[in-house]
């Protein structure tokens, strides 16, 4: 949970975008979508339906050219900047799930079971499959981007603070 070392308390809205609505993703992680996008030379029509949902959630159209000419480590930095430069309302479930996982880990407790309990208690979903999808995508994408730790807690507090405040790093 959030310790006294961190100067930010994670709010339940991120610059006006609620974290309890429209947050159940199709299970496709960002890393796999980027890999597929690169392998098909950026041809959106060749993505599977679940890959398209991830693509749309991260508004990849706006940065596709940059992503296609970049290494994986460069892609990570491009996506991180893209998220900070955009408004949370512009992004879909997959992206916001990173923040939701961090919010629960830092304000309620860490781990998958605590997260599932929160999803059900808050009425986000009664289905464990939906809670699993949110956890899997949010934690997976957050770890891939270097924002979260494996347990869902925040790894990069500077990034989270910039995201909440609407600033860049």
Protein backbone atom coordinates (compact mmCIF):
# COMPACT_ATOMS: atom_id res chain seq x y z
CA UNK A 1 0.00 0.00 0.00
CA UNK A 2 0.94 3.63 -0.36
CA UNK A 3 3.68 4.45 2.13
CA UNK A 4 4.69 7.79 3.55
CA UNK A 5 7.49 7.86 0.96
CA UNK A 6 4.94 8.63 -1.75
CA UNK A 7 3.45 12.09 -1.92
CA UNK A 8 0.42 11.19 -4.00
CA UNK A 9 -2.81 9.51 -2.99
CA UNK A 10 -4.42 7.86 -5.98
CA UNK A 11 -7.90 9.31 -6.60
CA UNK A 12 -10.84 7.25 -7.93
CA UNK A 13 -10.99 9.53 -10.97
CA UNK A 14 -8.09 10.40 -13.20
CA UNK A 15 -8.53 13.93 -14.54
CA UNK A 16 -12.30 13.51 -14.65
CA UNK A 17 -12.34 9.95 -16.03
CA UNK A 18 -13.97 7.55 -13.57
CA UNK A 19 -12.15 4.30 -13.00
CA UNK A 20 -15.24 2.23 -12.21
CA UNK A 21 -17.03 2.41 -15.59
CA UNK A 22 -16.15 1.10 -19.04
CA UNK A 23 -13.07 -0.72 -17.80
CA UNK A 24 -13.67 -4.36 -18.72
CA UNK A 25 -11.31 -5.16 -21.61
CA UNK A 26 -11.10 -7.91 -24.16
CA UNK A 27 -8.18 -10.01 -23.02
CA UNK A 28 -5.29 -9.01 -25.25
CA UNK A 29 -2.16 -7.55 -23.81
CA UNK A 30 -0.34 -4.60 -25.28
CA UNK A 31 2.89 -6.50 -25.86
CA UNK A 32 1.19 -9.14 -28.03
CA UNK A 33 -0.79 -6.53 -29.97
CA UNK A 34 2.36 -4.52 -30.72
CA UNK A 35 4.17 -7.66 -31.83
CA UNK A 36 1.34 -8.61 -34.17
CA UNK A 37 1.04 -5.05 -35.50
CA UNK A 38 4.74 -5.06 -36.34
CA UNK A 39 4.56 -8.51 -37.97
CA UNK A 40 1.74 -7.36 -40.32
CA UNK A 41 3.56 -4.08 -41.13
CA UNK A 42 0.91 -2.00 -39.41
CA UNK A 43 -2.05 -3.41 -41.36
CA UNK A 44 -4.93 -2.93 -38.92
CA UNK A 45 -7.22 -5.18 -40.98
CA UNK A 46 -4.98 -8.16 -40.23
CA UNK A 47 -5.39 -7.82 -36.47
CA UNK A 48 -7.78 -10.18 -34.68
CA UNK A 49 -10.84 -8.61 -33.05
CA UNK A 50 -9.29 -8.70 -29.55
CA UNK A 51 -6.06 -7.14 -30.88
CA UNK A 52 -8.12 -4.36 -32.47
CA UNK A 53 -9.70 -3.61 -29.09
CA UNK A 54 -6.25 -3.18 -27.52
CA UNK A 55 -5.14 -1.07 -30.51
CA UNK A 56 -8.17 1.19 -30.08
CA UNK A 57 -7.88 1.38 -26.29
CA UNK A 58 -4.37 2.81 -26.61
CA UNK A 59 -5.26 5.07 -29.56
CA UNK A 60 -2.40 3.49 -31.53
CA UNK A 61 -3.49 5.15 -34.79
CA UNK A 62 -1.99 8.38 -33.49
CA UNK A 63 1.49 6.85 -33.03
CA UNK A 64 1.52 3.84 -35.35
CA UNK A 65 4.25 5.19 -37.65
CA UNK A 66 6.60 5.77 -34.73
CA UNK A 67 5.86 2.36 -33.24
CA UNK A 68 6.52 0.48 -36.47
CA UNK A 69 10.02 1.90 -36.88
CA UNK A 70 10.99 1.31 -33.25
CA UNK A 71 12.45 -1.47 -31.12
CA UNK A 72 10.35 -2.92 -28.30
CA UNK A 73 12.10 -0.79 -25.67
CA UNK A 74 11.50 2.32 -27.80
CA UNK A 75 7.85 1.30 -28.27
CA UNK A 76 7.45 1.15 -24.50
CA UNK A 77 8.73 4.73 -24.15
CA UNK A 78 6.51 5.92 -27.03
CA UNK A 79 3.39 4.38 -25.45
CA UNK A 80 4.26 5.80 -22.03
CA UNK A 81 4.62 9.33 -23.47
CA UNK A 82 1.47 8.87 -25.55
CA UNK A 83 -0.57 8.02 -22.44
CA UNK A 84 0.74 11.07 -20.58
CA UNK A 85 0.15 13.35 -23.56
CA UNK A 86 -3.45 12.20 -23.98
CA UNK A 87 -6.48 12.70 -21.79
CA UNK A 88 -7.71 9.64 -19.86
CA UNK A 89 -11.15 10.00 -21.45
CA UNK A 90 -9.56 9.34 -24.87
CA UNK A 91 -8.27 5.92 -23.88
CA UNK A 92 -10.20 2.68 -23.55
CA UNK A 93 -10.44 -0.01 -20.92
CA UNK A 94 -7.04 -1.65 -21.37
CA UNK A 95 -5.15 1.55 -20.65
CA UNK A 96 -7.29 2.59 -17.67
CA UNK A 97 -7.04 -0.90 -16.20
CA UNK A 98 -3.39 -0.19 -15.42
CA UNK A 99 -4.48 2.70 -13.22
CA UNK A 100 -7.31 0.68 -11.63
CA UNK A 101 -4.90 -2.10 -10.64
CA UNK A 102 -2.55 0.49 -9.13
CA UNK A 103 -5.42 2.26 -7.36
CA UNK A 104 -6.57 -0.93 -5.64
CA UNK A 105 -3.04 -2.08 -4.78
CA UNK A 106 -2.07 1.25 -3.26
CA UNK A 107 -5.37 2.18 -1.56
CA UNK A 108 -6.88 -1.19 -0.57
CA UNK A 109 -4.20 -3.88 -0.76
CA UNK A 110 -1.99 -5.82 -3.16
CA UNK A 111 -2.70 -9.04 -4.97
CA UNK A 112 -5.19 -10.68 -7.25
CA UNK A 113 -7.66 -11.78 -4.55
CA UNK A 114 -7.87 -8.30 -3.02
CA UNK A 115 -8.41 -6.91 -6.52
CA UNK A 116 -11.19 -9.42 -7.30
CA UNK A 117 -12.93 -8.58 -4.01
CA UNK A 118 -12.77 -4.88 -4.86
CA UNK A 119 -14.25 -5.39 -8.35
CA UNK A 120 -17.20 -7.31 -6.89
CA UNK A 121 -17.68 -5.05 -3.83
CA UNK A 122 -17.72 -1.89 -5.94
CA UNK A 123 -20.23 -3.37 -8.37
CA UNK A 124 -17.87 -3.10 -11.33
CA UNK A 125 -18.73 -6.70 -12.18
CA UNK A 126 -20.15 -9.73 -10.42
CA UNK A 127 -18.26 -12.05 -12.76
CA UNK A 128 -14.86 -13.41 -11.79
CA UNK A 129 -14.04 -13.71 -15.51
CA UNK A 130 -14.41 -9.94 -15.87
CA UNK A 131 -12.29 -9.31 -12.77
CA UNK A 132 -9.70 -11.69 -14.21
CA UNK A 133 -9.69 -9.82 -17.54
CA UNK A 134 -9.20 -6.45 -15.84
CA UNK A 135 -6.43 -7.83 -13.62
CA UNK A 136 -4.67 -9.69 -16.43
CA UNK A 137 -4.67 -6.77 -18.86
CA UNK A 138 -4.08 -4.00 -16.32
CA UNK A 139 -1.29 -5.75 -14.47
CA UNK A 140 0.25 -7.22 -17.62
CA UNK A 141 0.30 -3.96 -19.55
CA UNK A 142 1.44 -2.05 -16.47
CA UNK A 143 4.36 -4.41 -15.92
CA UNK A 144 5.25 -4.35 -19.65
CA UNK A 145 5.32 -0.53 -19.58
CA UNK A 146 7.37 -0.44 -16.37
CA UNK A 147 4.60 1.29 -14.43
CA UNK A 148 3.57 -1.56 -12.10
CA UNK A 149 5.25 -4.34 -10.17
CA UNK A 150 4.18 -7.97 -10.58
CA UNK A 151 1.84 -7.68 -7.55
CA UNK A 152 0.05 -4.68 -9.10
CA UNK A 153 1.65 -2.08 -6.85
CA UNK A 154 3.19 1.04 -8.35
CA UNK A 155 6.75 0.70 -9.59
CA UNK A 156 7.12 4.15 -11.18
CA UNK A 157 5.60 6.76 -8.86
CA UNK A 158 6.87 9.65 -10.97
CA UNK A 159 4.92 8.31 -13.92
CA UNK A 160 1.73 7.75 -11.93
CA UNK A 161 1.97 11.25 -10.44
CA UNK A 162 2.37 12.76 -13.92
CA UNK A 163 -0.59 10.73 -15.20
CA UNK A 164 -2.86 11.86 -12.35
CA UNK A 165 -1.77 15.50 -12.59
CA UNK A 166 -1.78 15.69 -16.40
CA UNK A 167 1.89 16.56 -16.71
CA UNK A 168 4.75 14.99 -18.64
CA UNK A 169 8.01 13.58 -17.38
